[in-house]
Amino acid sequence: MTTQSQALALSNNNLAMAISNPGALGTIEAYISAVNRLPMLTQQQEADLGRRLRDHEDLDAARQLVLSHLRLVVSISRQYLGYGLAHADLIQEGNIGLMKAVKRFDPDRGVRLVSFAVHWIKAEIHEYVVRNWRMVKVATTKAQRKLFFNLRRMRPDGQTLDPGQVDDIARELNVRPEDVSEMEVRLSGQEMALEVPSDDPDGFAPITYLADEGQEPTRVLERRAHDALQSEGLASALEGLDARSRRIVEARWLQDDSGATLHELADEFGISAERVRQIEAAAFKKMRVALAA
């Protein structure tokens, strides 16, 4: 057995548990130290493991791919320590993103897993930060998320922004000045319990005075109309595709469970996986034109 294989084998039990709970090794420092001792894979080893996972659903190959990239999650998670969330929790969420990336990794595209995984790791940590930094969501749209993750860094010494600074930040992030001001207020706001403590039944309870805006009749009707238009637009875009293209798009992206792989569809149509990918890309391009019309 090679030195690399021995190192991976010795780390299997502890680090497999640590993937779901970084604190399982005792302290976060012990976890990071153990992760950094794991050997990195060469490009050829990574490609071989990726093919074993893709073609044979080899879970041991998936485990080795995950373990060899845990240090990447640790590195990325450090970028989010300023939000007051536990480092172990950030790493845990990043590990979930890493496992999602490994599941979708295609070694034949010529892209290293580290480049592919960065997006998934950051996306998972972003979701966690937004969900947990405040009890009430502070960022629900793409523009708000962009502000959320940049405004803290761009505020000089955390001070209140003057109108000129608001305009400068809005211009740099390509958002409206009003959005910058609104996010600044949200980031500076103090949290308040919606319900009164159990030992103070006569106290002020903000939750009592909050209306459920989502159930207001006009909003309900608007939401239903919007959903119907989206469904109709998608159906119309799909109708503009030929039978094979439509089958590929539906099998890959419109299934309730996990979609079909490129290789499964390649076998179905008797073509290469690369050809399936090209057909899929062309179909998406045609659908975008139809949806924008």
C-alpha atoms as a PDB file:
ATOM      1  CA  MET A   1       0.000   0.000   0.000  1.00  0.00           C
ATOM      2  CA  THR A   2       1.374   3.461  -0.911  1.00  0.00           C
ATOM      3  CA  THR A   3       2.053   6.142   1.671  1.00  0.00           C
ATOM      4  CA  GLN A   4      -0.922   8.119   0.358  1.00  0.00           C
ATOM      5  CA  SER A   5      -3.249   5.133   0.607  1.00  0.00           C
ATOM      6  CA  GLN A   6      -2.036   4.394   4.150  1.00  0.00           C
ATOM      7  CA  ALA A   7      -2.676   7.988   5.202  1.00  0.00           C
ATOM      8  CA  LEU A   8      -6.176   7.916   3.774  1.00  0.00           C
ATOM      9  CA  ALA A   9      -6.895   4.525   5.339  1.00  0.00           C
ATOM     10  CA  LEU A  10      -5.715   5.640   8.809  1.00  0.00           C
ATOM     11  CA  SER A  11      -7.896   8.745   8.601  1.00  0.00           C
ATOM     12  CA  ASN A  12     -11.056   7.054   7.347  1.00  0.00           C
ATOM     13  CA  ASN A  13     -12.945   6.522  10.591  1.00  0.00           C
ATOM     14  CA  ASN A  14     -12.208   9.807  12.333  1.00  0.00           C
ATOM     15  CA  LEU A  15     -12.490  12.070   9.315  1.00  0.00           C
ATOM     16  CA  ALA A  16     -15.578  10.375   7.911  1.00  0.00           C
ATOM     17  CA  MET A  17     -17.259  11.261  11.203  1.00  0.00           C
ATOM     18  CA  ALA A  18     -15.714  14.726  11.126  1.00  0.00           C
ATOM     19  CA  ILE A  19     -17.258  15.524   7.738  1.00  0.00           C
ATOM     20  CA  SER A  20     -20.688  15.639   9.341  1.00  0.00           C
ATOM     21  CA  ASN A  21     -19.394  17.115  12.607  1.00  0.00           C
ATOM     22  CA  PRO A  22     -16.028  18.957  12.555  1.00  0.00           C
ATOM     23  CA  GLY A  23     -16.057  18.991  16.354  1.00  0.00           C
ATOM     24  CA  ALA A  24     -15.922  15.187  16.467  1.00  0.00           C
ATOM     25  CA  LEU A  25     -12.098  15.224  16.657  1.00  0.00           C
ATOM     26  CA  GLY A  26     -12.226  17.152  19.941  1.00  0.00           C
ATOM     27  CA  THR A  27     -11.566  20.752  18.883  1.00  0.00           C
ATOM     28  CA  ILE A  28     -11.778  22.702  15.665  1.00  0.00           C
ATOM     29  CA  GLU A  29      -8.003  23.096  15.795  1.00  0.00           C
ATOM     30  CA  ALA A  30      -7.566  19.304  15.924  1.00  0.00           C
ATOM     31  CA  TYR A  31      -9.916  18.904  12.960  1.00  0.00           C
ATOM     32  CA  ILE A  32      -8.065  21.493  10.870  1.00  0.00           C
ATOM     33  CA  SER A  33      -4.729  19.919  11.766  1.00  0.00           C
ATOM     34  CA  ALA A  34      -5.976  16.468  10.728  1.00  0.00           C
ATOM     35  CA  VAL A  35      -7.423  17.810   7.473  1.00  0.00           C
ATOM     36  CA  ASN A  36      -4.200  19.561   6.540  1.00  0.00           C
ATOM     37  CA  ARG A  37      -2.246  16.321   7.010  1.00  0.00           C
ATOM     38  CA  LEU A  38      -4.292  14.541   4.355  1.00  0.00           C
ATOM     39  CA  PRO A  39      -2.336  14.187   1.090  1.00  0.00           C
ATOM     40  CA  MET A  40      -3.610  15.942  -2.008  1.00  0.00           C
ATOM     41  CA  LEU A  41      -4.437  14.016  -5.167  1.00  0.00           C
ATOM     42  CA  THR A  42      -2.626  14.338  -8.455  1.00  0.00           C
ATOM     43  CA  GLN A  43      -4.684  15.243 -11.506  1.00  0.00           C
ATOM     44  CA  GLN A  44      -4.532  11.657 -12.756  1.00  0.00           C
ATOM     45  CA  GLN A  45      -5.580  10.183  -9.408  1.00  0.00           C
ATOM     46  CA  GLU A  46      -8.440  12.664  -9.224  1.00  0.00           C
ATOM     47  CA  ALA A  47      -9.598  11.776 -12.737  1.00  0.00           C
ATOM     48  CA  ASP A  48      -9.432   8.026 -12.001  1.00  0.00           C
ATOM     49  CA  LEU A  49     -11.461   8.425  -8.815  1.00  0.00           C
ATOM     50  CA  GLY A  50     -13.967  10.657 -10.603  1.00  0.00           C
ATOM     51  CA  ARG A  51     -14.528   8.014 -13.285  1.00  0.00           C
ATOM     52  CA  ARG A  52     -14.938   5.288 -10.671  1.00  0.00           C
ATOM     53  CA  LEU A  53     -17.611   7.370  -8.961  1.00  0.00           C
ATOM     54  CA  ARG A  54     -19.356   8.387 -12.180  1.00  0.00           C
ATOM     55  CA  ASP A  55     -19.273   5.044 -13.962  1.00  0.00           C
ATOM     56  CA  HIS A  56     -19.542   2.615 -11.049  1.00  0.00           C
ATOM     57  CA  GLU A  57     -21.010   4.705  -8.205  1.00  0.00           C
ATOM     58  CA  ASP A  58     -17.922   3.822  -6.165  1.00  0.00           C
ATOM     59  CA  LEU A  59     -18.518   5.389  -2.747  1.00  0.00           C
ATOM     60  CA  ASP A  60     -14.932   4.779  -1.678  1.00  0.00           C
ATOM     61  CA  ALA A  61     -13.808   6.929  -4.615  1.00  0.00           C
ATOM     62  CA  ALA A  62     -16.250   9.652  -3.543  1.00  0.00           C
ATOM     63  CA  ARG A  63     -14.880   9.494   0.005  1.00  0.00           C
ATOM     64  CA  GLN A  64     -11.296   9.927  -1.188  1.00  0.00           C
ATOM     65  CA  LEU A  65     -12.278  12.887  -3.362  1.00  0.00           C
ATOM     66  CA  VAL A  66     -14.043  14.537  -0.429  1.00  0.00           C
ATOM     67  CA  LEU A  67     -11.269  13.890   2.085  1.00  0.00           C
ATOM     68  CA  SER A  68      -8.561  15.242  -0.185  1.00  0.00           C
ATOM     69  CA  HIS A  69     -10.439  18.554  -0.562  1.00  0.00           C
ATOM     70  CA  LEU A  70     -11.484  19.188   3.049  1.00  0.00           C
ATOM     71  CA  ARG A  71      -8.632  21.683   3.446  1.00  0.00           C
ATOM     72  CA  LEU A  72     -10.261  23.749   0.679  1.00  0.00           C
ATOM     73  CA  VAL A  73     -13.445  24.010   2.755  1.00  0.00           C
ATOM     74  CA  VAL A  74     -11.446  25.111   5.793  1.00  0.00           C
ATOM     75  CA  SER A  75      -9.722  27.800   3.737  1.00  0.00           C
ATOM     76  CA  ILE A  76     -12.961  29.139   2.231  1.00  0.00           C
ATOM     77  CA  SER A  77     -14.862  29.054   5.531  1.00  0.00           C
ATOM     78  CA  ARG A  78     -12.320  31.430   7.124  1.00  0.00           C
ATOM     79  CA  GLN A  79     -13.581  34.157   4.783  1.00  0.00           C
ATOM     80  CA  TYR A  80     -16.930  34.146   6.637  1.00  0.00           C
ATOM     81  CA  LEU A  81     -15.753  34.330  10.252  1.00  0.00           C
ATOM     82  CA  GLY A  82     -16.730  38.026  10.468  1.00  0.00           C
ATOM     83  CA  TYR A  83     -20.434  37.164  10.708  1.00  0.00           C
ATOM     84  CA  GLY A  84     -20.180  35.831  14.250  1.00  0.00           C
ATOM     85  CA  LEU A  85     -21.018  32.232  13.354  1.00  0.00           C
ATOM     86  CA  ALA A  86     -19.107  29.232  14.688  1.00  0.00           C
ATOM     87  CA  HIS A  87     -16.199  28.164  12.478  1.00  0.00           C
ATOM     88  CA  ALA A  88     -17.167  24.514  12.920  1.00  0.00           C
ATOM     89  CA  ASP A  89     -20.670  25.229  11.604  1.00  0.00           C
ATOM     90  CA  LEU A  90     -19.306  27.106   8.591  1.00  0.00           C
ATOM     91  CA  ILE A  91     -16.987  24.192   7.805  1.00  0.00           C
ATOM     92  CA  GLN A  92     -19.841  21.729   8.188  1.00  0.00           C
ATOM     93  CA  GLU A  93     -21.984  23.611   5.685  1.00  0.00           C
ATOM     94  CA  GLY A  94     -19.028  23.961   3.320  1.00  0.00           C
ATOM     95  CA  ASN A  95     -18.471  20.200   3.515  1.00  0.00           C
ATOM     96  CA  ILE A  96     -22.053  19.687   2.352  1.00  0.00           C
ATOM     97  CA  GLY A  97     -21.309  21.886  -0.657  1.00  0.00           C
ATOM     98  CA  LEU A  98     -18.127  19.906  -1.320  1.00  0.00           C
ATOM     99  CA  MET A  99     -20.039  16.617  -1.305  1.00  0.00           C
ATOM    100  CA  LYS A 100     -22.562  18.063  -3.751  1.00  0.00           C
ATOM    101  CA  ALA A 101     -19.702  19.113  -6.020  1.00  0.00           C
ATOM    102  CA  VAL A 102     -18.120  15.645  -5.858  1.00  0.00           C
ATOM    103  CA  LYS A 103     -21.453  14.071  -6.783  1.00  0.00           C
ATOM    104  CA  ARG A 104     -21.679  16.256  -9.910  1.00  0.00           C
ATOM    105  CA  PHE A 105     -17.991  16.148 -10.848  1.00  0.00           C
ATOM    106  CA  ASP A 106     -17.230  15.045 -14.429  1.00  0.00           C
ATOM    107  CA  PRO A 107     -13.488  14.333 -14.828  1.00  0.00           C
ATOM    108  CA  ASP A 108     -13.740  14.273 -18.629  1.00  0.00           C
ATOM    109  CA  ARG A 109     -14.432  18.015 -18.824  1.00  0.00           C
ATOM    110  CA  GLY A 110     -10.787  18.714 -18.090  1.00  0.00           C
ATOM    111  CA  VAL A 111     -11.527  20.864 -15.023  1.00  0.00           C
ATOM    112  CA  ARG A 112      -9.942  20.089 -11.672  1.00  0.00           C
ATOM    113  CA  LEU A 113     -12.342  19.366  -8.842  1.00  0.00           C
ATOM    114  CA  VAL A 114     -10.917  22.234  -6.774  1.00  0.00           C
ATOM    115  CA  SER A 115     -12.091  24.774  -9.379  1.00  0.00           C
ATOM    116  CA  PHE A 116     -15.510  23.141  -9.696  1.00  0.00           C
ATOM    117  CA  ALA A 117     -16.020  22.762  -5.940  1.00  0.00           C
ATOM    118  CA  VAL A 118     -15.362  26.397  -4.974  1.00  0.00           C
ATOM    119  CA  HIS A 119     -18.768  27.480  -6.310  1.00  0.00           C
ATOM    120  CA  TRP A 120     -20.679  24.773  -4.433  1.00  0.00           C
ATOM    121  CA  ILE A 121     -18.821  25.323  -1.162  1.00  0.00           C
ATOM    122  CA  LYS A 122     -19.385  29.091  -1.219  1.00  0.00           C
ATOM    123  CA  ALA A 123     -23.035  28.692  -2.224  1.00  0.00           C
ATOM    124  CA  GLU A 124     -23.746  26.398   0.718  1.00  0.00           C
ATOM    125  CA  ILE A 125     -21.966  28.668   3.203  1.00  0.00           C
ATOM    126  CA  HIS A 126     -23.742  31.720   1.764  1.00  0.00           C
ATOM    127  CA  GLU A 127     -27.111  30.067   2.360  1.00  0.00           C
ATOM    128  CA  TYR A 128     -26.139  29.173   5.919  1.00  0.00           C
ATOM    129  CA  VAL A 129     -24.918  32.694   6.739  1.00  0.00           C
ATOM    130  CA  VAL A 130     -28.057  34.294   5.341  1.00  0.00           C
ATOM    131  CA  ARG A 131     -30.304  31.862   7.216  1.00  0.00           C
ATOM    132  CA  ASN A 132     -28.583  32.222  10.565  1.00  0.00           C
ATOM    133  CA  TRP A 133     -26.924  35.607  10.857  1.00  0.00           C
ATOM    134  CA  ARG A 134     -30.262  37.148  11.714  1.00  0.00           C
ATOM    135  CA  MET A 135     -33.446  35.383  12.745  1.00  0.00           C
ATOM    136  CA  VAL A 136     -35.259  37.503  10.149  1.00  0.00           C
ATOM    137  CA  LYS A 137     -33.869  37.108   6.634  1.00  0.00           C
ATOM    138  CA  VAL A 138     -31.797  40.072   5.510  1.00  0.00           C
ATOM    139  CA  ALA A 139     -31.079  38.976   1.945  1.00  0.00           C
ATOM    140  CA  THR A 140     -33.676  37.315  -0.225  1.00  0.00           C
ATOM    141  CA  THR A 141     -32.754  38.505  -3.726  1.00  0.00           C
ATOM    142  CA  LYS A 142     -29.531  38.257  -5.712  1.00  0.00           C
ATOM    143  CA  ALA A 143     -28.874  42.003  -5.361  1.00  0.00           C
ATOM    144  CA  GLN A 144     -29.488  41.893  -1.604  1.00  0.00           C
ATOM    145  CA  ARG A 145     -27.126  38.956  -1.184  1.00  0.00           C
ATOM    146  CA  LYS A 146     -24.461  40.829  -3.114  1.00  0.00           C
ATOM    147  CA  LEU A 147     -24.904  43.776  -0.767  1.00  0.00           C
ATOM    148  CA  PHE A 148     -24.992  41.572   2.320  1.00  0.00           C
ATOM    149  CA  PHE A 149     -21.630  39.966   1.602  1.00  0.00           C
ATOM    150  CA  ASN A 150     -19.883  43.166   0.480  1.00  0.00           C
ATOM    151  CA  LEU A 151     -21.315  46.064   2.478  1.00  0.00           C
ATOM    152  CA  ARG A 152     -19.700  45.113   5.795  1.00  0.00           C
ATOM    153  CA  ARG A 153     -16.283  45.043   4.091  1.00  0.00           C
ATOM    154  CA  MET A 154     -16.862  48.320   2.248  1.00  0.00           C
ATOM    155  CA  ARG A 155     -18.087  50.361   5.208  1.00  0.00           C
ATOM    156  CA  PRO A 156     -15.114  52.356   6.557  1.00  0.00           C
ATOM    157  CA  ASP A 157     -14.522  51.227  10.170  1.00  0.00           C
ATOM    158  CA  GLY A 158     -18.148  50.137  10.376  1.00  0.00           C
ATOM    159  CA  GLN A 159     -19.309  53.762  10.497  1.00  0.00           C
ATOM    160  CA  THR A 160     -22.616  55.067   9.161  1.00  0.00           C
ATOM    161  CA  LEU A 161     -22.352  55.883   5.470  1.00  0.00           C
ATOM    162  CA  ASP A 162     -22.809  59.409   4.186  1.00  0.00           C
ATOM    163  CA  PRO A 163     -24.721  60.046   0.907  1.00  0.00           C
ATOM    164  CA  GLY A 164     -21.512  60.211  -1.134  1.00  0.00           C
ATOM    165  CA  GLN A 165     -20.304  56.854   0.200  1.00  0.00           C
ATOM    166  CA  VAL A 166     -23.718  55.314  -0.453  1.00  0.00           C
ATOM    167  CA  ASP A 167     -23.557  56.469  -4.073  1.00  0.00           C
ATOM    168  CA  ASP A 168     -19.991  55.159  -4.485  1.00  0.00           C
ATOM    169  CA  ILE A 169     -20.879  51.715  -3.126  1.00  0.00           C
ATOM    170  CA  ALA A 170     -24.061  51.548  -5.212  1.00  0.00           C
ATOM    171  CA  ARG A 171     -22.071  52.378  -8.335  1.00  0.00           C
ATOM    172  CA  GLU A 172     -19.383  49.780  -7.572  1.00  0.00           C
ATOM    173  CA  LEU A 173     -21.889  46.997  -6.848  1.00  0.00           C
ATOM    174  CA  ASN A 174     -24.282  48.058  -9.608  1.00  0.00           C
ATOM    175  CA  VAL A 175     -27.283  48.408  -7.292  1.00  0.00           C
ATOM    176  CA  ARG A 176     -29.551  51.288  -6.333  1.00  0.00           C
ATOM    177  CA  PRO A 177     -28.452  53.739  -3.600  1.00  0.00           C
ATOM    178  CA  GLU A 178     -31.763  53.022  -1.838  1.00  0.00           C
ATOM    179  CA  ASP A 179     -30.811  49.336  -1.642  1.00  0.00           C
ATOM    180  CA  VAL A 180     -27.468  50.221  -0.035  1.00  0.00           C
ATOM    181  CA  SER A 181     -29.169  52.419   2.573  1.00  0.00           C
ATOM    182  CA  GLU A 182     -31.779  49.755   3.336  1.00  0.00           C
ATOM    183  CA  MET A 183     -29.167  47.027   3.784  1.00  0.00           C
ATOM    184  CA  GLU A 184     -27.083  49.294   6.017  1.00  0.00           C
ATOM    185  CA  VAL A 185     -30.097  49.735   8.288  1.00  0.00           C
ATOM    186  CA  ARG A 186     -30.673  45.981   8.366  1.00  0.00           C
ATOM    187  CA  LEU A 187     -27.046  45.217   9.170  1.00  0.00           C
ATOM    188  CA  SER A 188     -26.997  47.838  11.926  1.00  0.00           C
ATOM    189  CA  GLY A 189     -30.302  46.849  13.476  1.00  0.00           C
ATOM    190  CA  GLN A 190     -30.600  45.110  16.801  1.00  0.00           C
ATOM    191  CA  GLU A 191     -32.450  41.832  17.191  1.00  0.00           C
ATOM    192  CA  MET A 192     -35.632  41.717  19.250  1.00  0.00           C
ATOM    193  CA  ALA A 193     -37.493  38.678  20.473  1.00  0.00           C
ATOM    194  CA  LEU A 194     -40.811  38.301  18.671  1.00  0.00           C
ATOM    195  CA  GLU A 195     -42.394  36.541  21.635  1.00  0.00           C
ATOM    196  CA  VAL A 196     -42.349  37.598  25.282  1.00  0.00           C
ATOM    197  CA  PRO A 197     -40.421  35.489  27.807  1.00  0.00           C
ATOM    198  CA  SER A 198     -42.504  32.827  29.507  1.00  0.00           C
ATOM    199  CA  ASP A 199     -42.023  34.513  32.896  1.00  0.00           C
ATOM    200  CA  ASP A 200     -43.429  37.838  31.645  1.00  0.00           C
ATOM    201  CA  PRO A 201     -46.893  37.132  30.207  1.00  0.00           C
ATOM    202  CA  ASP A 202     -47.847  40.828  30.252  1.00  0.00           C
ATOM    203  CA  GLY A 203     -44.799  42.003  28.289  1.00  0.00           C
ATOM    204  CA  PHE A 204     -44.778  43.475  24.795  1.00  0.00           C
ATOM    205  CA  ALA A 205     -44.963  40.808  22.081  1.00  0.00           C
ATOM    206  CA  PRO A 206     -44.197  42.147  18.562  1.00  0.00           C
ATOM    207  CA  ILE A 207     -45.451  38.926  17.002  1.00  0.00           C
ATOM    208  CA  THR A 208     -48.969  39.836  18.075  1.00  0.00           C
ATOM    209  CA  TYR A 209     -48.945  42.849  15.760  1.00  0.00           C
ATOM    210  CA  LEU A 210     -47.359  41.254  12.688  1.00  0.00           C
ATOM    211  CA  ALA A 211     -49.664  40.497   9.764  1.00  0.00           C
ATOM    212  CA  ASP A 212     -49.020  37.569   7.451  1.00  0.00           C
ATOM    213  CA  GLU A 213     -48.475  39.578   4.272  1.00  0.00           C
ATOM    214  CA  GLY A 214     -48.028  36.417   2.245  1.00  0.00           C
ATOM    215  CA  GLN A 215     -51.704  35.556   2.808  1.00  0.00           C
ATOM    216  CA  GLU A 216     -53.107  38.939   1.834  1.00  0.00           C
ATOM    217  CA  PRO A 217     -55.629  38.157  -0.969  1.00  0.00           C
ATOM    218  CA  THR A 218     -54.051  40.402  -3.599  1.00  0.00           C
ATOM    219  CA  ARG A 219     -50.585  38.934  -2.968  1.00  0.00           C
ATOM    220  CA  VAL A 220     -51.938  35.387  -3.131  1.00  0.00           C
ATOM    221  CA  LEU A 221     -53.575  36.064  -6.498  1.00  0.00           C
ATOM    222  CA  GLU A 222     -50.460  37.785  -7.826  1.00  0.00           C
ATOM    223  CA  ARG A 223     -48.295  34.863  -6.762  1.00  0.00           C
ATOM    224  CA  ARG A 224     -50.594  32.352  -8.402  1.00  0.00           C
ATOM    225  CA  ALA A 225     -50.621  34.371 -11.639  1.00  0.00           C
ATOM    226  CA  HIS A 226     -46.832  34.638 -11.604  1.00  0.00           C
ATOM    227  CA  ASP A 227     -46.436  30.871 -11.049  1.00  0.00           C
ATOM    228  CA  ALA A 228     -48.879  30.167 -13.864  1.00  0.00           C
ATOM    229  CA  LEU A 229     -46.998  32.439 -16.267  1.00  0.00           C
ATOM    230  CA  GLN A 230     -43.710  30.763 -15.402  1.00  0.00           C
ATOM    231  CA  SER A 231     -45.188  27.306 -15.972  1.00  0.00           C
ATOM    232  CA  GLU A 232     -46.739  28.351 -19.262  1.00  0.00           C
ATOM    233  CA  GLY A 233     -43.485  29.962 -20.417  1.00  0.00           C
ATOM    234  CA  LEU A 234     -41.482  26.839 -19.632  1.00  0.00           C
ATOM    235  CA  ALA A 235     -44.008  24.611 -21.371  1.00  0.00           C
ATOM    236  CA  SER A 236     -43.966  26.853 -24.426  1.00  0.00           C
ATOM    237  CA  ALA A 237     -40.149  26.867 -24.510  1.00  0.00           C
ATOM    238  CA  LEU A 238     -40.066  23.067 -24.281  1.00  0.00           C
ATOM    239  CA  GLU A 239     -42.556  22.753 -27.134  1.00  0.00           C
ATOM    240  CA  GLY A 240     -40.112  24.596 -29.376  1.00  0.00           C
ATOM    241  CA  LEU A 241     -37.515  21.848 -28.976  1.00  0.00           C
ATOM    242  CA  ASP A 242     -37.177  18.721 -31.054  1.00  0.00           C
ATOM    243  CA  ALA A 243     -38.081  15.440 -29.358  1.00  0.00           C
ATOM    244  CA  ARG A 244     -34.515  14.447 -28.480  1.00  0.00           C
ATOM    245  CA  SER A 245     -33.565  17.842 -27.063  1.00  0.00           C
ATOM    246  CA  ARG A 246     -36.749  17.979 -25.015  1.00  0.00           C
ATOM    247  CA  ARG A 247     -36.148  14.490 -23.654  1.00  0.00           C
ATOM    248  CA  ILE A 248     -32.606  15.430 -22.596  1.00  0.00           C
ATOM    249  CA  VAL A 249     -33.693  18.632 -20.840  1.00  0.00           C
ATOM    250  CA  GLU A 250     -36.593  16.960 -19.055  1.00  0.00           C
ATOM    251  CA  ALA A 251     -34.566  13.914 -18.010  1.00  0.00           C
ATOM    252  CA  ARG A 252     -31.673  16.016 -16.756  1.00  0.00           C
ATOM    253  CA  TRP A 253     -33.417  18.925 -15.029  1.00  0.00           C
ATOM    254  CA  LEU A 254     -37.176  18.452 -14.682  1.00  0.00           C
ATOM    255  CA  GLN A 255     -37.354  15.261 -12.649  1.00  0.00           C
ATOM    256  CA  ASP A 256     -38.570  15.184  -9.040  1.00  0.00           C
ATOM    257  CA  ASP A 257     -35.686  12.938  -8.048  1.00  0.00           C
ATOM    258  CA  SER A 258     -32.088  13.112  -9.246  1.00  0.00           C
ATOM    259  CA  GLY A 259     -31.904  13.652 -13.002  1.00  0.00           C
ATOM    260  CA  ALA A 260     -30.369  11.365 -15.590  1.00  0.00           C
ATOM    261  CA  THR A 261     -26.614  11.569 -16.190  1.00  0.00           C
ATOM    262  CA  LEU A 262     -24.993  12.433 -19.490  1.00  0.00           C
ATOM    263  CA  HIS A 263     -23.827   8.856 -19.848  1.00  0.00           C
ATOM    264  CA  GLU A 264     -27.289   7.392 -19.212  1.00  0.00           C
ATOM    265  CA  LEU A 265     -28.740   9.567 -21.960  1.00  0.00           C
ATOM    266  CA  ALA A 266     -25.776   8.789 -24.221  1.00  0.00           C
ATOM    267  CA  ASP A 267     -26.605   5.094 -23.910  1.00  0.00           C
ATOM    268  CA  GLU A 268     -30.286   5.791 -24.546  1.00  0.00           C
ATOM    269  CA  PHE A 269     -29.643   7.668 -27.795  1.00  0.00           C
ATOM    270  CA  GLY A 270     -26.551   5.790 -28.905  1.00  0.00           C
ATOM    271  CA  ILE A 271     -24.332   8.894 -28.943  1.00  0.00           C
ATOM    272  CA  SER A 272     -21.400  10.149 -26.879  1.00  0.00           C
ATOM    273  CA  ALA A 273     -21.809  11.920 -23.536  1.00  0.00           C
ATOM    274  CA  GLU A 274     -20.142  14.984 -25.043  1.00  0.00           C
ATOM    275  CA  ARG A 275     -22.748  15.061 -27.805  1.00  0.00           C
ATOM    276  CA  VAL A 276     -25.517  14.922 -25.202  1.00  0.00           C
ATOM    277  CA  ARG A 277     -23.920  17.897 -23.437  1.00  0.00           C
ATOM    278  CA  GLN A 278     -23.786  19.845 -26.716  1.00  0.00           C
ATOM    279  CA  ILE A 279     -27.449  19.123 -27.451  1.00  0.00           C
ATOM    280  CA  GLU A 280     -28.345  20.197 -23.912  1.00  0.00           C
ATOM    281  CA  ALA A 281     -26.425  23.474 -24.270  1.00  0.00           C
ATOM    282  CA  ALA A 282     -28.091  24.225 -27.612  1.00  0.00           C
ATOM    283  CA  ALA A 283     -31.506  23.461 -26.123  1.00  0.00           C
ATOM    284  CA  PHE A 284     -30.898  25.831 -23.209  1.00  0.00           C
ATOM    285  CA  LYS A 285     -29.855  28.589 -25.593  1.00  0.00           C
ATOM    286  CA  LYS A 286     -33.024  28.120 -27.644  1.00  0.00           C
ATOM    287  CA  MET A 287     -35.183  28.075 -24.499  1.00  0.00           C
ATOM    288  CA  ARG A 288     -33.649  31.297 -23.194  1.00  0.00           C
ATOM    289  CA  VAL A 289     -34.512  33.042 -26.434  1.00  0.00           C
ATOM    290  CA  ALA A 290     -38.097  31.725 -26.211  1.00  0.00           C
ATOM    291  CA  LEU A 291     -38.511  32.774 -22.575  1.00  0.00           C
ATOM    292  CA  ALA A 292     -37.158  36.262 -23.264  1.00  0.00           C
ATOM    293  CA  ALA A 293     -39.554  36.842 -26.147  1.00  0.00           C
END
